[in-house]
Amino acid sequence: MAKCVAVVCYLTVVGSLIAFVIYGDNKSSLSSFHLRQSLGFIVTGCLLSFIPLIGWLLNLGVIFCWFHEFYFAIMGIERAVPLLGRFYQQYLDFIR
């Protein structure tokens, strides 16, 4: 079930909300790791979308990282995104 939560959390914002509900019953390190990464991508993408042109171009990098982490969620691997992954894990630690 942890792998299912890890994959679902990357399926849009609605998928993240569904994953949070499922996570309440099935807590594991894999699902909490990917929930933190997914929430970090959502917040980063929202903040970057407010910056014209440069932010929009940087959002392409966020989308690439999203696909990268989605692949690792499918494989069941905990691998943090370069640059921001450790930041997400450290400051979004309320998801345990």
PDB file of N, CA and C in Angstrom:
ATOM      1  N   MET A   1       0.811  -1.188   0.000  1.00  0.00           N
ATOM      2  CA  MET A   1       0.000   0.000   0.000  1.00  0.00           C
ATOM      3  C   MET A   1       0.866   1.269   0.000  1.00  0.00           C
ATOM      4  N   ALA A   2       2.068   1.192   0.570  1.00  0.00           N
ATOM      5  CA  ALA A   2       2.950   2.352   0.613  1.00  0.00           C
ATOM      6  C   ALA A   2       3.365   2.784  -0.790  1.00  0.00           C
ATOM      7  N   LYS A   3       3.602   1.823  -1.663  1.00  0.00           N
ATOM      8  CA  LYS A   3       3.982   2.141  -3.031  1.00  0.00           C
ATOM      9  C   LYS A   3       2.820   2.809  -3.760  1.00  0.00           C
ATOM     10  N   CYS A   4       1.613   2.376  -3.475  1.00  0.00           N
ATOM     11  CA  CYS A   4       0.422   2.972  -4.073  1.00  0.00           C
ATOM     12  C   CYS A   4       0.292   4.432  -3.658  1.00  0.00           C
ATOM     13  N   VAL A   5       0.486   4.727  -2.380  1.00  0.00           N
ATOM     14  CA  VAL A   5       0.425   6.108  -1.886  1.00  0.00           C
ATOM     15  C   VAL A   5       1.526   6.935  -2.537  1.00  0.00           C
ATOM     16  N   ALA A   6       2.719   6.361  -2.664  1.00  0.00           N
ATOM     17  CA  ALA A   6       3.843   7.076  -3.267  1.00  0.00           C
ATOM     18  C   ALA A   6       3.558   7.451  -4.711  1.00  0.00           C
ATOM     19  N   VAL A   7       2.915   6.584  -5.457  1.00  0.00           N
ATOM     20  CA  VAL A   7       2.609   6.856  -6.861  1.00  0.00           C
ATOM     21  C   VAL A   7       1.449   7.838  -6.982  1.00  0.00           C
ATOM     22  N   VAL A   8       0.399   7.646  -6.207  1.00  0.00           N
ATOM     23  CA  VAL A   8      -0.798   8.489  -6.300  1.00  0.00           C
ATOM     24  C   VAL A   8      -0.483   9.938  -5.942  1.00  0.00           C
ATOM     25  N   CYS A   9       0.447  10.178  -5.036  1.00  0.00           N
ATOM     26  CA  CYS A   9       0.727  11.553  -4.604  1.00  0.00           C
ATOM     27  C   CYS A   9       1.287  12.409  -5.729  1.00  0.00           C
ATOM     28  N   TYR A  10       1.815  11.810  -6.790  1.00  0.00           N
ATOM     29  CA  TYR A  10       2.335  12.579  -7.918  1.00  0.00           C
ATOM     30  C   TYR A  10       1.292  12.826  -8.997  1.00  0.00           C
ATOM     31  N   LEU A  11       0.084  12.337  -8.819  1.00  0.00           N
ATOM     32  CA  LEU A  11      -0.965  12.510  -9.825  1.00  0.00           C
ATOM     33  C   LEU A  11      -1.794  13.756  -9.516  1.00  0.00           C
ATOM     34  N   THR A  12      -1.303  14.902  -9.849  1.00  0.00           N
ATOM     35  CA  THR A  12      -1.917  16.219  -9.674  1.00  0.00           C
ATOM     36  C   THR A  12      -2.172  16.538  -8.202  1.00  0.00           C
ATOM     37  N   VAL A  13      -2.748  17.677  -7.959  1.00  0.00           N
ATOM     38  CA  VAL A  13      -3.033  18.112  -6.592  1.00  0.00           C
ATOM     39  C   VAL A  13      -4.100  17.229  -5.975  1.00  0.00           C
ATOM     40  N   VAL A  14      -5.080  16.828  -6.767  1.00  0.00           N
ATOM     41  CA  VAL A  14      -6.137  15.942  -6.262  1.00  0.00           C
ATOM     42  C   VAL A  14      -5.547  14.603  -5.845  1.00  0.00           C
ATOM     43  N   GLY A  15      -4.594  14.101  -6.614  1.00  0.00           N
ATOM     44  CA  GLY A  15      -3.919  12.859  -6.247  1.00  0.00           C
ATOM     45  C   GLY A  15      -3.168  12.989  -4.938  1.00  0.00           C
ATOM     46  N   SER A  16      -2.571  14.151  -4.714  1.00  0.00           N
ATOM     47  CA  SER A  16      -1.874  14.379  -3.448  1.00  0.00           C
ATOM     48  C   SER A  16      -2.842  14.374  -2.276  1.00  0.00           C
ATOM     49  N   LEU A  17      -4.005  14.981  -2.460  1.00  0.00           N
ATOM     50  CA  LEU A  17      -5.018  14.979  -1.396  1.00  0.00           C
ATOM     51  C   LEU A  17      -5.514  13.565  -1.114  1.00  0.00           C
ATOM     52  N   ILE A  18      -5.729  12.789  -2.163  1.00  0.00           N
ATOM     53  CA  ILE A  18      -6.148  11.390  -1.990  1.00  0.00           C
ATOM     54  C   ILE A  18      -5.057  10.607  -1.274  1.00  0.00           C
ATOM     55  N   ALA A  19      -3.794  10.853  -1.648  1.00  0.00           N
ATOM     56  CA  ALA A  19      -2.679  10.154  -1.007  1.00  0.00           C
ATOM     57  C   ALA A  19      -2.581  10.507   0.474  1.00  0.00           C
ATOM     58  N   PHE A  20      -2.845  11.770   0.825  1.00  0.00           N
ATOM     59  CA  PHE A  20      -2.836  12.162   2.240  1.00  0.00           C
ATOM     60  C   PHE A  20      -3.902  11.406   3.020  1.00  0.00           C
ATOM     61  N   VAL A  21      -5.080  11.231   2.424  1.00  0.00           N
ATOM     62  CA  VAL A  21      -6.155  10.497   3.101  1.00  0.00           C
ATOM     63  C   VAL A  21      -5.775   9.033   3.275  1.00  0.00           C
ATOM     64  N   ILE A  22      -5.239   8.422   2.218  1.00  0.00           N
ATOM     65  CA  ILE A  22      -4.826   7.014   2.294  1.00  0.00           C
ATOM     66  C   ILE A  22      -3.668   6.858   3.275  1.00  0.00           C
ATOM     67  N   TYR A  23      -2.757   7.832   3.301  1.00  0.00           N
ATOM     68  CA  TYR A  23      -1.579   7.788   4.156  1.00  0.00           C
ATOM     69  C   TYR A  23      -1.940   7.764   5.640  1.00  0.00           C
ATOM     70  N   GLY A  24      -3.066   8.362   5.996  1.00  0.00           N
ATOM     71  CA  GLY A  24      -3.488   8.373   7.393  1.00  0.00           C
ATOM     72  C   GLY A  24      -3.633   6.980   7.973  1.00  0.00           C
ATOM     73  N   ASP A  25      -4.005   6.014   7.148  1.00  0.00           N
ATOM     74  CA  ASP A  25      -4.186   4.639   7.604  1.00  0.00           C
ATOM     75  C   ASP A  25      -2.952   3.772   7.381  1.00  0.00           C
ATOM     76  N   ASN A  26      -2.135   4.129   6.405  1.00  0.00           N
ATOM     77  CA  ASN A  26      -0.995   3.286   6.014  1.00  0.00           C
ATOM     78  C   ASN A  26       0.290   4.098   5.998  1.00  0.00           C
ATOM     79  N   LYS A  27       0.871   4.341   7.146  1.00  0.00           N
ATOM     80  CA  LYS A  27       2.084   5.148   7.226  1.00  0.00           C
ATOM     81  C   LYS A  27       3.321   4.283   7.004  1.00  0.00           C
ATOM     82  N   SER A  28       4.220   4.800   6.177  1.00  0.00           N
ATOM     83  CA  SER A  28       5.505   4.140   5.945  1.00  0.00           C
ATOM     84  C   SER A  28       6.522   5.190   5.529  1.00  0.00           C
ATOM     85  N   SER A  29       7.779   4.839   5.585  1.00  0.00           N
ATOM     86  CA  SER A  29       8.829   5.799   5.223  1.00  0.00           C
ATOM     87  C   SER A  29       8.787   6.127   3.733  1.00  0.00           C
ATOM     88  N   LEU A  30       8.462   5.144   2.891  1.00  0.00           N
ATOM     89  CA  LEU A  30       8.392   5.379   1.447  1.00  0.00           C
ATOM     90  C   LEU A  30       7.287   6.372   1.111  1.00  0.00           C
ATOM     91  N   SER A  31       6.111   6.163   1.670  1.00  0.00           N
ATOM     92  CA  SER A  31       5.002   7.058   1.347  1.00  0.00           C
ATOM     93  C   SER A  31       5.223   8.451   1.922  1.00  0.00           C
ATOM     94  N   SER A  32       5.759   8.568   3.134  1.00  0.00           N
ATOM     95  CA  SER A  32       6.002   9.903   3.697  1.00  0.00           C
ATOM     96  C   SER A  32       7.090  10.641   2.919  1.00  0.00           C
ATOM     97  N   PHE A  33       8.111   9.923   2.470  1.00  0.00           N
ATOM     98  CA  PHE A  33       9.167  10.536   1.661  1.00  0.00           C
ATOM     99  C   PHE A  33       8.585  11.138   0.390  1.00  0.00           C
ATOM    100  N   HIS A  34       7.788  10.361  -0.332  1.00  0.00           N
ATOM    101  CA  HIS A  34       7.242  10.841  -1.601  1.00  0.00           C
ATOM    102  C   HIS A  34       6.140  11.877  -1.404  1.00  0.00           C
ATOM    103  N   LEU A  35       5.422  11.824  -0.301  1.00  0.00           N
ATOM    104  CA  LEU A  35       4.460  12.888  -0.014  1.00  0.00           C
ATOM    105  C   LEU A  35       5.169  14.215   0.212  1.00  0.00           C
ATOM    106  N   ARG A  36       6.285  14.191   0.920  1.00  0.00           N
ATOM    107  CA  ARG A  36       7.050  15.422   1.138  1.00  0.00           C
ATOM    108  C   ARG A  36       7.610  15.960  -0.178  1.00  0.00           C
ATOM    109  N   GLN A  37       8.134  15.077  -1.022  1.00  0.00           N
ATOM    110  CA  GLN A  37       8.662  15.512  -2.311  1.00  0.00           C
ATOM    111  C   GLN A  37       7.551  16.110  -3.176  1.00  0.00           C
ATOM    112  N   SER A  38       6.416  15.450  -3.219  1.00  0.00           N
ATOM    113  CA  SER A  38       5.294  15.921  -4.033  1.00  0.00           C
ATOM    114  C   SER A  38       4.786  17.275  -3.547  1.00  0.00           C
ATOM    115  N   LEU A  39       4.623  17.426  -2.245  1.00  0.00           N
ATOM    116  CA  LEU A  39       4.181  18.705  -1.697  1.00  0.00           C
ATOM    117  C   LEU A  39       5.204  19.802  -1.989  1.00  0.00           C
ATOM    118  N   GLY A  40       6.470  19.467  -1.924  1.00  0.00           N
ATOM    119  CA  GLY A  40       7.518  20.429  -2.268  1.00  0.00           C
ATOM    120  C   GLY A  40       7.433  20.867  -3.720  1.00  0.00           C
ATOM    121  N   PHE A  41       7.160  19.928  -4.631  1.00  0.00           N
ATOM    122  CA  PHE A  41       6.999  20.275  -6.046  1.00  0.00           C
ATOM    123  C   PHE A  41       5.796  21.185  -6.258  1.00  0.00           C
ATOM    124  N   ILE A  42       4.709  20.911  -5.572  1.00  0.00           N
ATOM    125  CA  ILE A  42       3.505  21.725  -5.723  1.00  0.00           C
ATOM    126  C   ILE A  42       3.776  23.156  -5.261  1.00  0.00           C
ATOM    127  N   VAL A  43       4.387  23.298  -4.102  1.00  0.00           N
ATOM    128  CA  VAL A  43       4.673  24.634  -3.568  1.00  0.00           C
ATOM    129  C   VAL A  43       5.681  25.366  -4.452  1.00  0.00           C
ATOM    130  N   THR A  44       6.736  24.688  -4.863  1.00  0.00           N
ATOM    131  CA  THR A  44       7.750  25.305  -5.722  1.00  0.00           C
ATOM    132  C   THR A  44       7.153  25.726  -7.054  1.00  0.00           C
ATOM    133  N   GLY A  45       6.346  24.856  -7.658  1.00  0.00           N
ATOM    134  CA  GLY A  45       5.711  25.183  -8.933  1.00  0.00           C
ATOM    135  C   GLY A  45       4.772  26.371  -8.816  1.00  0.00           C
ATOM    136  N   CYS A  46       4.014  26.429  -7.734  1.00  0.00           N
ATOM    137  CA  CYS A  46       3.100  27.562  -7.527  1.00  0.00           C
ATOM    138  C   CYS A  46       3.872  28.863  -7.354  1.00  0.00           C
ATOM    139  N   LEU A  47       4.931  28.834  -6.566  1.00  0.00           N
ATOM    140  CA  LEU A  47       5.720  30.049  -6.349  1.00  0.00           C
ATOM    141  C   LEU A  47       6.412  30.514  -7.631  1.00  0.00           C
ATOM    142  N   LEU A  48       6.943  29.572  -8.402  1.00  0.00           N
ATOM    143  CA  LEU A  48       7.629  29.943  -9.638  1.00  0.00           C
ATOM    144  C   LEU A  48       6.665  30.462 -10.704  1.00  0.00           C
ATOM    145  N   SER A  49       5.419  30.037 -10.658  1.00  0.00           N
ATOM    146  CA  SER A  49       4.460  30.476 -11.679  1.00  0.00           C
ATOM    147  C   SER A  49       4.120  31.956 -11.547  1.00  0.00           C
ATOM    148  N   PHE A  50       4.417  32.554 -10.408  1.00  0.00           N
ATOM    149  CA  PHE A  50       4.166  33.986 -10.230  1.00  0.00           C
ATOM    150  C   PHE A  50       5.263  34.861 -10.834  1.00  0.00           C
ATOM    151  N   ILE A  51       6.394  34.273 -11.201  1.00  0.00           N
ATOM    152  CA  ILE A  51       7.505  35.033 -11.786  1.00  0.00           C
ATOM    153  C   ILE A  51       7.426  34.895 -13.303  1.00  0.00           C
ATOM    154  N   PRO A  52       7.141  35.976 -14.013  1.00  0.00           N
ATOM    155  CA  PRO A  52       7.005  35.892 -15.474  1.00  0.00           C
ATOM    156  C   PRO A  52       8.298  35.447 -16.147  1.00  0.00           C
ATOM    157  N   LEU A  53       8.163  34.680 -17.184  1.00  0.00           N
ATOM    158  CA  LEU A  53       9.213  34.168 -18.057  1.00  0.00           C
ATOM    159  C   LEU A  53      10.257  33.308 -17.350  1.00  0.00           C
ATOM    160  N   ILE A  54      11.055  33.863 -16.479  1.00  0.00           N
ATOM    161  CA  ILE A  54      12.106  33.086 -15.820  1.00  0.00           C
ATOM    162  C   ILE A  54      11.497  31.995 -14.950  1.00  0.00           C
ATOM    163  N   GLY A  55      10.481  32.339 -14.183  1.00  0.00           N
ATOM    164  CA  GLY A  55       9.809  31.356 -13.341  1.00  0.00           C
ATOM    165  C   GLY A  55       9.133  30.281 -14.162  1.00  0.00           C
ATOM    166  N   TRP A  56       8.571  30.701 -15.289  1.00  0.00           N
ATOM    167  CA  TRP A  56       7.900  29.722 -16.154  1.00  0.00           C
ATOM    168  C   TRP A  56       8.912  28.756 -16.748  1.00  0.00           C
ATOM    169  N   LEU A  57      10.074  29.263 -17.109  1.00  0.00           N
ATOM    170  CA  LEU A  57      11.121  28.377 -17.629  1.00  0.00           C
ATOM    171  C   LEU A  57      11.653  27.449 -16.538  1.00  0.00           C
ATOM    172  N   LEU A  58      11.798  27.970 -15.330  1.00  0.00           N
ATOM    173  CA  LEU A  58      12.255  27.121 -14.227  1.00  0.00           C
ATOM    174  C   LEU A  58      11.216  26.059 -13.879  1.00  0.00           C
ATOM    175  N   ASN A  59       9.949  26.348 -14.156  1.00  0.00           N
ATOM    176  CA  ASN A  59       8.903  25.346 -13.934  1.00  0.00           C
ATOM    177  C   ASN A  59       9.101  24.123 -14.826  1.00  0.00           C
ATOM    178  N   LEU A  60       9.737  24.299 -15.976  1.00  0.00           N
ATOM    179  CA  LEU A  60      10.052  23.146 -16.823  1.00  0.00           C
ATOM    180  C   LEU A  60      11.000  22.199 -16.093  1.00  0.00           C
ATOM    181  N   GLY A  61      11.938  22.763 -15.345  1.00  0.00           N
ATOM    182  CA  GLY A  61      12.837  21.944 -14.518  1.00  0.00           C
ATOM    183  C   GLY A  61      12.087  21.223 -13.419  1.00  0.00           C
ATOM    184  N   VAL A  62      11.096  21.895 -12.827  1.00  0.00           N
ATOM    185  CA  VAL A  62      10.275  21.266 -11.792  1.00  0.00           C
ATOM    186  C   VAL A  62       9.487  20.110 -12.389  1.00  0.00           C
ATOM    187  N   ILE A  63       8.968  20.297 -13.591  1.00  0.00           N
ATOM    188  CA  ILE A  63       8.214  19.228 -14.260  1.00  0.00           C
ATOM    189  C   ILE A  63       9.126  18.039 -14.550  1.00  0.00           C
ATOM    190  N   PHE A  64      10.359  18.310 -15.003  1.00  0.00           N
ATOM    191  CA  PHE A  64      11.311  17.231 -15.241  1.00  0.00           C
ATOM    192  C   PHE A  64      11.594  16.469 -13.954  1.00  0.00           C
ATOM    193  N   CYS A  65      11.817  17.204 -12.851  1.00  0.00           N
ATOM    194  CA  CYS A  65      12.069  16.557 -11.557  1.00  0.00           C
ATOM    195  C   CYS A  65      10.845  15.770 -11.089  1.00  0.00           C
ATOM    196  N   TRP A  66       9.660  16.273 -11.386  1.00  0.00           N
ATOM    197  CA  TRP A  66       8.428  15.573 -11.037  1.00  0.00           C
ATOM    198  C   TRP A  66       8.384  14.201 -11.732  1.00  0.00           C
ATOM    199  N   PHE A  67       8.684  14.174 -13.045  1.00  0.00           N
ATOM    200  CA  PHE A  67       8.724  12.900 -13.764  1.00  0.00           C
ATOM    201  C   PHE A  67       9.806  11.985 -13.197  1.00  0.00           C
ATOM    202  N   HIS A  68      10.934  12.560 -12.837  1.00  0.00           N
ATOM    203  CA  HIS A  68      12.041  11.811 -12.250  1.00  0.00           C
ATOM    204  C   HIS A  68      11.591  11.115 -10.966  1.00  0.00           C
ATOM    205  N   GLU A  69      10.957  11.858 -10.076  1.00  0.00           N
ATOM    206  CA  GLU A  69      10.492  11.289  -8.813  1.00  0.00           C
ATOM    207  C   GLU A  69       9.310  10.347  -9.004  1.00  0.00           C
ATOM    208  N   PHE A  70       8.468  10.616  -9.987  1.00  0.00           N
ATOM    209  CA  PHE A  70       7.352   9.720 -10.287  1.00  0.00           C
ATOM    210  C   PHE A  70       7.887   8.341 -10.676  1.00  0.00           C
ATOM    211  N   TYR A  71       8.937   8.313 -11.468  1.00  0.00           N
ATOM    212  CA  TYR A  71       9.574   7.059 -11.855  1.00  0.00           C
ATOM    213  C   TYR A  71      10.096   6.317 -10.626  1.00  0.00           C
ATOM    214  N   PHE A  72      10.765   7.040  -9.720  1.00  0.00           N
ATOM    215  CA  PHE A  72      11.302   6.389  -8.529  1.00  0.00           C
ATOM    216  C   PHE A  72      10.195   5.940  -7.581  1.00  0.00           C
ATOM    217  N   ALA A  73       9.070   6.628  -7.581  1.00  0.00           N
ATOM    218  CA  ALA A  73       7.928   6.177  -6.776  1.00  0.00           C
ATOM    219  C   ALA A  73       7.378   4.867  -7.328  1.00  0.00           C
ATOM    220  N   ILE A  74       7.308   4.761  -8.642  1.00  0.00           N
ATOM    221  CA  ILE A  74       6.844   3.515  -9.265  1.00  0.00           C
ATOM    222  C   ILE A  74       7.790   2.367  -8.935  1.00  0.00           C
ATOM    223  N   MET A  75       9.091   2.655  -8.925  1.00  0.00           N
ATOM    224  CA  MET A  75      10.083   1.627  -8.619  1.00  0.00           C
ATOM    225  C   MET A  75      10.171   1.330  -7.119  1.00  0.00           C
ATOM    226  N   GLY A  76       9.612   2.203  -6.275  1.00  0.00           N
ATOM    227  CA  GLY A  76       9.652   2.000  -4.831  1.00  0.00           C
ATOM    228  C   GLY A  76      10.975   2.417  -4.201  1.00  0.00           C
ATOM    229  N   ILE A  77      11.628   3.426  -4.786  1.00  0.00           N
ATOM    230  CA  ILE A  77      12.939   3.882  -4.330  1.00  0.00           C
ATOM    231  C   ILE A  77      12.801   5.270  -3.714  1.00  0.00           C
ATOM    232  N   GLU A  78      13.494   5.513  -2.607  1.00  0.00           N
ATOM    233  CA  GLU A  78      13.545   6.840  -1.994  1.00  0.00           C
ATOM    234  C   GLU A  78      14.806   7.548  -2.461  1.00  0.00           C
ATOM    235  N   ARG A  79      14.671   8.410  -3.435  1.00  0.00           N
ATOM    236  CA  ARG A  79      15.808   9.187  -3.924  1.00  0.00           C
ATOM    237  C   ARG A  79      15.381  10.648  -4.015  1.00  0.00           C
ATOM    238  N   ALA A  80      16.091  11.497  -3.297  1.00  0.00           N
ATOM    239  CA  ALA A  80      15.733  12.918  -3.255  1.00  0.00           C
ATOM    240  C   ALA A  80      16.148  13.617  -4.546  1.00  0.00           C
ATOM    241  N   VAL A  81      15.394  14.624  -4.906  1.00  0.00           N
ATOM    242  CA  VAL A  81      15.678  15.434  -6.079  1.00  0.00           C
ATOM    243  C   VAL A  81      16.936  16.252  -5.817  1.00  0.00           C
ATOM    244  N   PRO A  82      17.811  16.420  -6.808  1.00  0.00           N
ATOM    245  CA  PRO A  82      18.975  17.277  -6.612  1.00  0.00           C
ATOM    246  C   PRO A  82      18.548  18.707  -6.279  1.00  0.00           C
ATOM    247  N   LEU A  83      19.341  19.389  -5.521  1.00  0.00           N
ATOM    248  CA  LEU A  83      19.160  20.770  -5.080  1.00  0.00           C
ATOM    249  C   LEU A  83      18.094  20.925  -3.996  1.00  0.00           C
ATOM    250  N   LEU A  84      16.842  20.621  -4.270  1.00  0.00           N
ATOM    251  CA  LEU A  84      15.759  20.904  -3.325  1.00  0.00           C
ATOM    252  C   LEU A  84      15.262  19.698  -2.542  1.00  0.00           C
ATOM    253  N   GLY A  85      15.642  18.517  -2.910  1.00  0.00           N
ATOM    254  CA  GLY A  85      15.120  17.309  -2.270  1.00  0.00           C
ATOM    255  C   GLY A  85      15.384  17.245  -0.776  1.00  0.00           C
ATOM    256  N   ARG A  86      16.591  17.542  -0.373  1.00  0.00           N
ATOM    257  CA  ARG A  86      16.908  17.530   1.061  1.00  0.00           C
ATOM    258  C   ARG A  86      16.182  18.648   1.793  1.00  0.00           C
ATOM    259  N   PHE A  87      16.026  19.796   1.128  1.00  0.00           N
ATOM    260  CA  PHE A  87      15.276  20.901   1.707  1.00  0.00           C
ATOM    261  C   PHE A  87      13.832  20.485   1.966  1.00  0.00           C
ATOM    262  N   TYR A  88      13.215  19.808   0.987  1.00  0.00           N
ATOM    263  CA  TYR A  88      11.837  19.322   1.159  1.00  0.00           C
ATOM    264  C   TYR A  88      11.745  18.358   2.334  1.00  0.00           C
ATOM    265  N   GLN A  89      12.715  17.444   2.431  1.00  0.00           N
ATOM    266  CA  GLN A  89      12.681  16.453   3.502  1.00  0.00           C
ATOM    267  C   GLN A  89      12.885  17.095   4.871  1.00  0.00           C
ATOM    268  N   GLN A  90      13.688  18.137   4.922  1.00  0.00           N
ATOM    269  CA  GLN A  90      13.979  18.772   6.209  1.00  0.00           C
ATOM    270  C   GLN A  90      12.849  19.675   6.672  1.00  0.00           C
ATOM    271  N   TYR A  91      12.284  20.485   5.780  1.00  0.00           N
ATOM    272  CA  TYR A  91      11.311  21.484   6.213  1.00  0.00           C
ATOM    273  C   TYR A  91       9.862  21.049   6.076  1.00  0.00           C
ATOM    274  N   LEU A  92       9.609  19.951   5.420  1.00  0.00           N
ATOM    275  CA  LEU A  92       8.257  19.408   5.345  1.00  0.00           C
ATOM    276  C   LEU A  92       8.153  18.174   6.236  1.00  0.00           C
ATOM    277  N   ASP A  93       8.858  18.191   7.348  1.00  0.00           N
ATOM    278  CA  ASP A  93       8.944  17.026   8.214  1.00  0.00           C
ATOM    279  C   ASP A  93       7.689  16.800   9.058  1.00  0.00           C
ATOM    280  N   PHE A  94       6.686  17.667   8.914  1.00  0.00           N
ATOM    281  CA  PHE A  94       5.435  17.415   9.632  1.00  0.00           C
ATOM    282  C   PHE A  94       4.689  16.218   9.057  1.00  0.00           C
ATOM    283  N   ILE A  95       5.095  15.770   7.870  1.00  0.00           N
ATOM    284  CA  ILE A  95       4.553  14.542   7.279  1.00  0.00           C
ATOM    285  C   ILE A  95       5.454  13.409   7.749  1.00  0.00           C
ATOM    286  N   ARG A  96       4.990  12.643   8.725  1.00  0.00           N
ATOM    287  CA  ARG A  96       5.815  11.539   9.270  1.00  0.00           C
ATOM    288  C   ARG A  96       5.146  10.229   9.070  1.00  0.00           C
TER     289      ARG A  96
END
